[in-house]
Amino acid sequence: MDSIHARRKHYEQRLAVALRQFNDAIRDVHKSGLDVEISTLTMHTQRGPMLQVDLYTFKLEGAPPVLKIVTDETPQF
């Protein structure tokens, strides 16, 4: 039982690292003047549906925008 939990934890850690790298790559592509379109694909397996992603890049019109942090804060009047 411990080996199953250890493997799952390892896979979760791999996904966390991959997600950080994925988001960093999208940020770098965006800074270069390209935009990214992300679509999901559903693969049907014996264990049920499995989602995967597909990426497309295309040129942005005009200068690359400055990235800003968006918050849920509402202005105080």
N, C-alpha and C. Protein backbone atom coordinates (compact mmCIF):
# COMPACT_ATOMS: atom_id res chain seq x y z
N MET A 1 0.81 -1.19 0.00
CA MET A 1 0.00 0.00 0.00
C MET A 1 0.86 1.26 0.00
N ASP A 2 1.96 1.23 0.74
CA ASP A 2 2.83 2.40 0.80
C ASP A 2 3.43 2.72 -0.56
N SER A 3 3.74 1.71 -1.35
CA SER A 3 4.35 1.97 -2.65
C SER A 3 3.37 2.68 -3.58
N ILE A 4 2.08 2.37 -3.49
CA ILE A 4 1.08 3.05 -4.31
C ILE A 4 1.01 4.52 -3.92
N HIS A 5 1.00 4.80 -2.61
CA HIS A 5 0.95 6.18 -2.14
C HIS A 5 2.23 6.93 -2.53
N ALA A 6 3.36 6.26 -2.44
CA ALA A 6 4.63 6.90 -2.81
C ALA A 6 4.65 7.23 -4.30
N ARG A 7 4.16 6.31 -5.13
CA ARG A 7 4.13 6.57 -6.57
C ARG A 7 3.18 7.72 -6.89
N ARG A 8 2.02 7.73 -6.25
CA ARG A 8 1.06 8.81 -6.50
C ARG A 8 1.64 10.16 -6.08
N LYS A 9 2.31 10.20 -4.95
CA LYS A 9 2.93 11.45 -4.49
C LYS A 9 4.01 11.89 -5.47
N HIS A 10 4.80 10.94 -5.95
CA HIS A 10 5.84 11.24 -6.94
C HIS A 10 5.21 11.82 -8.21
N TYR A 11 4.12 11.22 -8.69
CA TYR A 11 3.45 11.71 -9.89
C TYR A 11 2.84 13.09 -9.67
N GLU A 12 2.29 13.33 -8.48
CA GLU A 12 1.76 14.65 -8.18
C GLU A 12 2.87 15.70 -8.19
N GLN A 13 4.03 15.35 -7.65
CA GLN A 13 5.17 16.27 -7.66
C GLN A 13 5.64 16.54 -9.08
N ARG A 14 5.69 15.49 -9.91
CA ARG A 14 6.06 15.66 -11.32
C ARG A 14 5.10 16.60 -12.02
N LEU A 15 3.79 16.45 -11.77
CA LEU A 15 2.80 17.34 -12.38
C LEU A 15 2.98 18.78 -11.92
N ALA A 16 3.28 18.98 -10.64
CA ALA A 16 3.48 20.33 -10.12
C ALA A 16 4.67 21.00 -10.81
N VAL A 17 5.76 20.27 -10.98
CA VAL A 17 6.94 20.80 -11.66
C VAL A 17 6.61 21.09 -13.12
N ALA A 18 5.93 20.16 -13.76
CA ALA A 18 5.56 20.33 -15.17
C ALA A 18 4.65 21.55 -15.36
N LEU A 19 3.72 21.75 -14.43
CA LEU A 19 2.81 22.89 -14.53
C LEU A 19 3.56 24.21 -14.39
N ARG A 20 4.52 24.27 -13.47
CA ARG A 20 5.33 25.49 -13.33
C ARG A 20 6.12 25.75 -14.62
N GLN A 21 6.74 24.71 -15.18
CA GLN A 21 7.50 24.87 -16.42
C GLN A 21 6.58 25.26 -17.58
N PHE A 22 5.42 24.66 -17.64
CA PHE A 22 4.43 24.95 -18.67
C PHE A 22 4.02 26.41 -18.62
N ASN A 23 3.68 26.90 -17.42
CA ASN A 23 3.27 28.30 -17.27
C ASN A 23 4.42 29.26 -17.56
N ASP A 24 5.65 28.90 -17.16
CA ASP A 24 6.82 29.73 -17.48
C ASP A 24 7.01 29.82 -19.00
N ALA A 25 6.84 28.71 -19.70
CA ALA A 25 7.00 28.69 -21.15
C ALA A 25 5.93 29.56 -21.82
N ILE A 26 4.70 29.47 -21.35
CA ILE A 26 3.63 30.31 -21.91
C ILE A 26 3.93 31.78 -21.67
N ARG A 27 4.41 32.11 -20.49
CA ARG A 27 4.77 33.50 -20.17
C ARG A 27 5.88 33.99 -21.10
N ASP A 28 6.91 33.17 -21.34
CA ASP A 28 8.01 33.55 -22.22
C ASP A 28 7.54 33.73 -23.66
N VAL A 29 6.68 32.83 -24.12
CA VAL A 29 6.14 32.94 -25.48
C VAL A 29 5.34 34.23 -25.60
N HIS A 30 4.55 34.54 -24.60
CA HIS A 30 3.74 35.75 -24.62
C HIS A 30 4.62 37.00 -24.66
N LYS A 31 5.69 37.01 -23.88
CA LYS A 31 6.62 38.15 -23.87
C LYS A 31 7.28 38.34 -25.23
N SER A 32 7.43 37.27 -26.01
CA SER A 32 8.09 37.36 -27.31
C SER A 32 7.18 37.91 -28.39
N GLY A 33 5.91 38.13 -28.07
CA GLY A 33 4.99 38.69 -29.05
C GLY A 33 4.05 37.67 -29.65
N LEU A 34 4.06 36.46 -29.13
CA LEU A 34 3.14 35.43 -29.60
C LEU A 34 2.09 35.18 -28.53
N ASP A 35 0.96 34.69 -28.94
CA ASP A 35 -0.06 34.30 -27.99
C ASP A 35 -0.25 32.80 -28.11
N VAL A 36 -0.83 32.22 -27.10
CA VAL A 36 -0.99 30.77 -27.04
C VAL A 36 -2.47 30.44 -26.92
N GLU A 37 -2.91 29.53 -27.75
CA GLU A 37 -4.27 29.00 -27.62
C GLU A 37 -4.15 27.58 -27.09
N ILE A 38 -4.89 27.30 -26.03
CA ILE A 38 -4.83 25.98 -25.40
C ILE A 38 -6.19 25.31 -25.57
N SER A 39 -6.16 24.10 -26.09
CA SER A 39 -7.41 23.34 -26.20
C SER A 39 -7.23 22.01 -25.49
N THR A 40 -8.32 21.46 -25.03
CA THR A 40 -8.25 20.17 -24.34
C THR A 40 -8.73 19.07 -25.28
N LEU A 41 -8.11 17.94 -25.14
CA LEU A 41 -8.47 16.75 -25.90
C LEU A 41 -8.90 15.69 -24.90
N THR A 42 -9.91 14.92 -25.23
CA THR A 42 -10.33 13.83 -24.36
C THR A 42 -9.97 12.51 -25.01
N MET A 43 -9.10 11.79 -24.35
CA MET A 43 -8.70 10.46 -24.81
C MET A 43 -9.53 9.45 -24.02
N HIS A 44 -10.11 8.50 -24.69
CA HIS A 44 -10.92 7.49 -24.02
C HIS A 44 -10.07 6.25 -23.77
N THR A 45 -9.93 5.88 -22.51
CA THR A 45 -9.13 4.73 -22.12
C THR A 45 -9.99 3.72 -21.38
N GLN A 46 -9.42 2.59 -21.05
CA GLN A 46 -10.15 1.58 -20.29
C GLN A 46 -10.53 2.08 -18.90
N ARG A 47 -9.76 3.01 -18.38
CA ARG A 47 -10.03 3.57 -17.04
C ARG A 47 -10.98 4.76 -17.10
N GLY A 48 -11.42 5.13 -18.29
CA GLY A 48 -12.32 6.27 -18.45
C GLY A 48 -11.66 7.39 -19.23
N PRO A 49 -12.32 8.54 -19.33
CA PRO A 49 -11.76 9.65 -20.10
C PRO A 49 -10.51 10.23 -19.45
N MET A 50 -9.55 10.59 -20.29
CA MET A 50 -8.29 11.19 -19.83
C MET A 50 -8.08 12.47 -20.63
N LEU A 51 -7.98 13.59 -19.93
CA LEU A 51 -7.78 14.88 -20.60
C LEU A 51 -6.31 15.10 -20.93
N GLN A 52 -6.07 15.66 -22.10
CA GLN A 52 -4.75 16.12 -22.50
C GLN A 52 -4.90 17.50 -23.10
N VAL A 53 -3.81 18.22 -23.27
CA VAL A 53 -3.88 19.57 -23.84
C VAL A 53 -3.12 19.62 -25.15
N ASP A 54 -3.53 20.55 -26.00
CA ASP A 54 -2.86 20.82 -27.25
C ASP A 54 -2.64 22.32 -27.32
N LEU A 55 -1.53 22.76 -27.88
CA LEU A 55 -1.17 24.17 -27.91
C LEU A 55 -0.96 24.65 -29.33
N TYR A 56 -1.37 25.88 -29.58
CA TYR A 56 -1.11 26.56 -30.84
C TYR A 56 -0.58 27.94 -30.50
N THR A 57 0.37 28.43 -31.28
CA THR A 57 0.85 29.80 -31.09
C THR A 57 0.49 30.62 -32.31
N PHE A 58 0.27 31.91 -32.11
CA PHE A 58 0.00 32.83 -33.20
C PHE A 58 0.48 34.21 -32.80
N LYS A 59 0.72 35.05 -33.81
CA LYS A 59 1.25 36.40 -33.56
C LYS A 59 0.19 37.30 -32.97
N LEU A 60 0.63 38.09 -31.99
CA LEU A 60 -0.22 39.14 -31.44
C LEU A 60 -0.10 40.36 -32.34
N GLU A 61 -1.14 41.15 -32.39
CA GLU A 61 -1.08 42.39 -33.14
C GLU A 61 -0.53 43.49 -32.23
N GLY A 62 0.38 44.29 -32.73
CA GLY A 62 0.95 45.38 -31.94
C GLY A 62 2.07 44.91 -31.03
N ALA A 63 2.47 45.79 -30.12
CA ALA A 63 3.58 45.50 -29.21
C ALA A 63 3.13 44.50 -28.14
N PRO A 64 4.08 43.70 -27.65
CA PRO A 64 3.72 42.76 -26.57
C PRO A 64 3.24 43.53 -25.34
N PRO A 65 2.17 43.08 -24.71
CA PRO A 65 1.67 43.79 -23.52
C PRO A 65 2.54 43.55 -22.31
N VAL A 66 2.42 44.44 -21.35
CA VAL A 66 3.11 44.28 -20.08
C VAL A 66 2.23 43.38 -19.21
N LEU A 67 2.84 42.38 -18.61
CA LEU A 67 2.07 41.49 -17.75
C LEU A 67 1.73 42.19 -16.45
N LYS A 68 0.50 42.04 -15.99
CA LYS A 68 0.06 42.65 -14.74
C LYS A 68 -0.59 41.58 -13.89
N ILE A 69 -0.46 41.71 -12.59
CA ILE A 69 -1.12 40.81 -11.66
C ILE A 69 -2.56 41.26 -11.50
N VAL A 70 -3.49 40.36 -11.68
CA VAL A 70 -4.91 40.67 -11.53
C VAL A 70 -5.35 40.15 -10.19
N THR A 71 -6.02 41.00 -9.42
CA THR A 71 -6.51 40.58 -8.10
C THR A 71 -8.02 40.74 -8.06
N ASP A 72 -8.62 40.12 -7.08
CA ASP A 72 -10.06 40.22 -6.89
C ASP A 72 -10.45 41.41 -6.02
N GLU A 73 -9.49 42.22 -5.66
CA GLU A 73 -9.77 43.35 -4.78
C GLU A 73 -10.64 44.38 -5.48
N THR A 74 -11.61 44.90 -4.79
CA THR A 74 -12.42 45.98 -5.34
C THR A 74 -11.91 47.30 -4.78
N PRO A 75 -11.98 48.35 -5.59
CA PRO A 75 -11.47 49.65 -5.11
C PRO A 75 -12.30 50.15 -3.92
N GLN A 76 -11.62 50.77 -2.97
CA GLN A 76 -12.28 51.35 -1.80
C GLN A 76 -12.57 52.82 -2.07
N PHE A 77 -13.83 53.24 -1.91
CA PHE A 77 -14.21 54.63 -2.14
C PHE A 77 -14.48 55.33 -0.85
